[in-house]
């Protein structure tokens, strides 16, 4: 009777110990699978549940890390342009600025405001994509005009690092069918990243060519 009792009680005690360890936060806790019958099945079910919890916890940790990186990135993207806007606003409030400088500062402020608007729109687009409500609005657009717009917007950022912004857009480049707002944000983001990761005094060039009846931008 004692031997039978120990045979039954020992696996249950080990299963209880594993459950207590798991409840205390030890996600690697597992029950031994040496017992047979219903106790063995219970141990296997427990281990499967523990493995699922461990996977979910790892996913939650990864999501938390991505959220922290996202918040940090957005904070940086907001802080840098706002600092530029605030600085140039203070400069404009002072007397003695030439009309040319005032126009340049105002253009820079306008470009930085556009950057902030694009950032907010990107965040809204992420929400729409997750909810399945994002809709592309294709139309015929001029790639040359979009590139010129982005070059003008990133002009001040390139000048601040003594970089040269150039473009090679062949004449007669056909119009493309795309979402104008989305494509503009993509091109501007590529230029912004190129400026960010190009050494001071370097050159950033954007090309547009026709390849197999398609327009390639690089």
Protein backbone atom coordinates (compact mmCIF):
# COMPACT_ATOMS: atom_id res chain seq x y z
CA UNK A 1 0.00 0.00 0.00
CA UNK A 2 2.85 2.35 0.85
CA UNK A 3 4.59 1.53 -2.44
CA UNK A 4 1.40 2.15 -4.45
CA UNK A 5 0.77 5.38 -2.57
CA UNK A 6 4.28 6.61 -3.31
CA UNK A 7 3.95 5.66 -6.96
CA UNK A 8 0.82 7.79 -7.24
CA UNK A 9 1.74 10.61 -4.86
CA UNK A 10 5.28 11.28 -6.08
CA UNK A 11 4.32 12.30 -9.65
CA UNK A 12 1.47 14.44 -8.30
CA UNK A 13 3.83 16.19 -5.91
CA UNK A 14 6.28 16.85 -8.75
CA UNK A 15 3.46 18.16 -10.93
CA UNK A 16 2.33 20.42 -8.10
CA UNK A 17 5.90 21.68 -7.62
CA UNK A 18 6.16 22.45 -11.35
CA UNK A 19 2.82 24.30 -11.25
CA UNK A 20 3.96 26.34 -8.24
CA UNK A 21 7.24 27.18 -9.98
CA UNK A 22 5.40 28.25 -13.12
CA UNK A 23 3.02 30.37 -11.07
CA UNK A 24 6.02 32.02 -9.39
CA UNK A 25 7.37 33.11 -12.77
CA UNK A 26 9.70 30.27 -13.72
CA UNK A 27 8.57 29.80 -17.34
CA UNK A 28 11.02 26.93 -17.86
CA UNK A 29 9.32 24.78 -15.22
CA UNK A 30 8.10 21.46 -16.61
CA UNK A 31 6.52 18.36 -15.10
CA UNK A 32 8.34 14.98 -15.42
CA UNK A 33 6.78 12.65 -17.99
CA UNK A 34 7.85 9.35 -16.40
CA UNK A 35 4.44 8.59 -14.95
CA UNK A 36 1.97 6.74 -17.10
CA UNK A 37 -1.79 6.74 -17.36
CA UNK A 38 -3.88 9.77 -16.52
CA UNK A 39 -1.12 11.38 -14.45
CA UNK A 40 1.26 11.19 -17.41
CA UNK A 41 -1.38 12.72 -19.69
CA UNK A 42 -1.94 15.48 -17.15
CA UNK A 43 1.80 16.17 -17.02
CA UNK A 44 1.99 16.31 -20.81
CA UNK A 45 -0.96 18.73 -20.93
CA UNK A 46 0.68 20.87 -18.26
CA UNK A 47 3.95 20.98 -20.20
CA UNK A 48 2.12 21.94 -23.38
CA UNK A 49 0.34 24.74 -21.54
CA UNK A 50 3.61 25.92 -19.99
CA UNK A 51 5.29 25.97 -23.41
CA UNK A 52 2.43 28.05 -24.85
CA UNK A 53 2.68 30.51 -21.96
CA UNK A 54 6.43 30.77 -22.48
CA UNK A 55 5.96 31.53 -26.20
CA UNK A 56 3.33 34.18 -25.47
CA UNK A 57 5.53 35.80 -22.86
CA UNK A 58 8.40 35.96 -25.34
CA UNK A 59 6.09 37.53 -27.93
CA UNK A 60 4.90 40.08 -25.38
CA UNK A 61 8.48 40.97 -24.51
CA UNK A 62 9.29 41.42 -28.19
CA UNK A 63 6.21 43.61 -28.68
CA UNK A 64 7.20 45.67 -25.66
CA UNK A 65 10.70 46.13 -27.07
CA UNK A 66 9.33 47.16 -30.46
CA UNK A 67 6.93 49.58 -28.78
CA UNK A 68 9.80 51.18 -26.85
CA UNK A 69 11.86 51.53 -30.02
CA UNK A 70 8.87 52.97 -31.86
CA UNK A 71 8.16 55.55 -29.15
CA UNK A 72 11.85 56.51 -29.05
CA UNK A 73 11.99 56.87 -32.83
CA UNK A 74 8.81 58.95 -32.99
CA UNK A 75 10.03 61.15 -30.15
CA UNK A 76 13.26 61.79 -32.01
CA UNK A 77 11.45 62.48 -35.29
CA UNK A 78 9.23 64.99 -33.51
CA UNK A 79 11.92 66.66 -31.43
CA UNK A 80 14.44 67.39 -34.18
CA UNK A 81 12.15 69.31 -36.59
CA UNK A 82 10.41 71.11 -33.73
CA UNK A 83 13.78 72.28 -32.44
CA UNK A 84 14.61 73.64 -35.91
CA UNK A 85 11.25 75.41 -36.14
CA UNK A 86 11.64 76.95 -32.68
CA UNK A 87 15.21 78.13 -33.41
CA UNK A 88 14.34 79.74 -36.74
CA UNK A 89 11.24 81.35 -35.23
CA UNK A 90 13.41 83.03 -32.59
CA UNK A 91 15.79 84.18 -35.33
CA UNK A 92 12.93 85.66 -37.35
CA UNK A 93 11.70 87.55 -34.30
CA UNK A 94 14.98 89.43 -34.19
CA UNK A 95 15.57 92.49 -36.34
CA UNK A 96 18.28 92.85 -38.92
CA UNK A 97 17.49 89.79 -41.04
CA UNK A 98 17.68 90.29 -44.78
CA UNK A 99 14.66 89.47 -46.92
CA UNK A 100 16.59 86.61 -48.52
CA UNK A 101 17.38 85.06 -45.13
CA UNK A 102 13.83 85.52 -43.94
CA UNK A 103 12.52 83.76 -47.03
CA UNK A 104 14.99 80.89 -46.54
CA UNK A 105 14.03 80.50 -42.88
CA UNK A 106 10.32 80.54 -43.71
CA UNK A 107 10.83 77.92 -46.42
CA UNK A 108 12.69 75.74 -43.93
CA UNK A 109 9.94 76.11 -41.33
CA UNK A 110 7.35 75.19 -43.95
CA UNK A 111 9.37 72.11 -44.96
CA UNK A 112 9.74 70.99 -41.34
CA UNK A 113 5.99 71.45 -40.80
CA UNK A 114 5.37 69.25 -43.84
CA UNK A 115 7.69 66.66 -42.30
CA UNK A 116 5.63 66.66 -39.11
CA UNK A 117 2.40 66.34 -41.06
CA UNK A 118 3.85 63.37 -42.97
CA UNK A 119 4.86 61.73 -39.70
CA UNK A 120 1.35 62.08 -38.28
CA UNK A 121 -0.15 60.77 -41.54
CA UNK A 122 2.21 57.78 -41.43
CA UNK A 123 1.04 56.98 -37.91
CA UNK A 124 -2.58 57.24 -39.01
CA UNK A 125 -1.83 55.02 -42.01
CA UNK A 126 -0.39 52.37 -39.71
CA UNK A 127 -3.64 52.39 -37.77
CA UNK A 128 -5.67 52.15 -40.99
CA UNK A 129 -3.52 49.28 -42.30
CA UNK A 130 -3.99 47.33 -39.06
CA UNK A 131 -7.75 47.85 -39.22
CA UNK A 132 -7.90 47.05 -42.95
CA UNK A 133 -9.24 50.51 -43.81
CA UNK A 134 -6.21 51.83 -45.71
CA UNK A 135 -7.05 52.63 -49.33
CA UNK A 136 -4.64 53.49 -52.12
CA UNK A 137 -5.78 56.22 -54.50
CA UNK A 138 -3.87 55.64 -57.77
CA UNK A 139 -3.64 58.41 -60.36
CA UNK A 140 -1.29 59.49 -63.15
CA UNK A 141 1.48 61.60 -61.65
CA UNK A 142 4.78 63.14 -62.70
CA UNK A 143 7.82 61.58 -61.07
CA UNK A 144 9.91 64.66 -61.95
CA UNK A 145 7.54 66.92 -60.01
CA UNK A 146 7.55 64.62 -56.98
CA UNK A 147 11.34 64.44 -56.98
CA UNK A 148 11.60 68.23 -57.27
CA UNK A 149 9.22 68.63 -54.33
CA UNK A 150 11.26 66.28 -52.16
CA UNK A 151 14.55 67.90 -53.16
CA UNK A 152 13.19 71.29 -52.16
CA UNK A 153 11.99 69.93 -48.82
CA UNK A 154 15.33 68.28 -47.99
CA UNK A 155 17.45 71.17 -49.31
CA UNK A 156 18.03 72.74 -45.90
CA UNK A 157 18.94 69.42 -44.24
CA UNK A 158 21.54 68.73 -46.94
CA UNK A 159 22.99 72.26 -46.72
CA UNK A 160 23.37 71.98 -42.96
CA UNK A 161 25.75 69.05 -43.58
CA UNK A 162 27.46 70.59 -46.63
CA UNK A 163 26.01 67.88 -48.85
CA UNK A 164 25.10 68.17 -52.52
CA UNK A 165 21.65 67.11 -53.63
CA UNK A 166 21.45 66.22 -57.32
CA UNK A 167 18.96 64.43 -59.54
CA UNK A 168 19.02 62.83 -62.98
CA UNK A 169 15.53 62.81 -64.44
CA UNK A 170 15.46 62.28 -68.22
CA UNK A 171 13.22 64.52 -70.27
CA UNK A 172 10.09 62.86 -71.54
CA UNK A 173 9.86 60.53 -68.56
CA UNK A 174 6.36 59.01 -68.75
CA UNK A 175 3.81 59.58 -66.05
CA UNK A 176 3.25 56.75 -63.59
CA UNK A 177 0.08 55.47 -61.98
CA UNK A 178 0.48 55.52 -58.22
CA UNK A 179 -0.79 57.02 -55.00
CA UNK A 180 0.65 60.53 -55.14
CA UNK A 181 0.77 61.16 -51.41
CA UNK A 182 2.20 57.74 -50.64
CA UNK A 183 4.86 57.89 -53.36
CA UNK A 184 5.90 61.39 -52.30
CA UNK A 185 6.36 60.24 -48.72
CA UNK A 186 8.43 57.25 -49.89
CA UNK A 187 10.74 59.39 -52.05
CA UNK A 188 11.13 62.03 -49.33
CA UNK A 189 11.87 59.36 -46.73
CA UNK A 190 14.54 57.80 -48.96
CA UNK A 191 16.18 61.20 -49.43
CA UNK A 192 15.96 61.93 -45.72
CA UNK A 193 17.66 58.63 -44.84
CA UNK A 194 20.30 59.14 -47.53
CA UNK A 195 21.14 62.56 -46.08
CA UNK A 196 21.18 61.13 -42.56
CA UNK A 197 23.63 58.32 -43.37
CA UNK A 198 25.83 60.16 -45.89
CA UNK A 199 28.99 61.73 -44.40
CA UNK A 200 29.19 65.51 -44.19
CA UNK A 201 30.32 67.02 -47.46
CA UNK A 202 29.08 64.04 -49.47
CA UNK A 203 26.63 63.83 -52.34
CA UNK A 204 23.14 62.40 -52.54
CA UNK A 205 21.82 61.66 -56.02
CA UNK A 206 18.41 60.41 -57.09
CA UNK A 207 17.91 58.79 -60.50
CA UNK A 208 14.78 57.95 -62.45
CA UNK A 209 14.95 55.68 -65.50
CA UNK A 210 12.60 53.60 -67.63
CA UNK A 211 13.07 49.84 -67.29
CA UNK A 212 10.77 47.44 -69.14
CA UNK A 213 7.92 49.91 -69.39
CA UNK A 214 8.29 50.83 -65.74
CA UNK A 215 9.85 53.85 -64.05
CA UNK A 216 12.63 52.92 -61.62
CA UNK A 217 13.68 55.40 -58.92
CA UNK A 218 16.92 54.93 -57.05
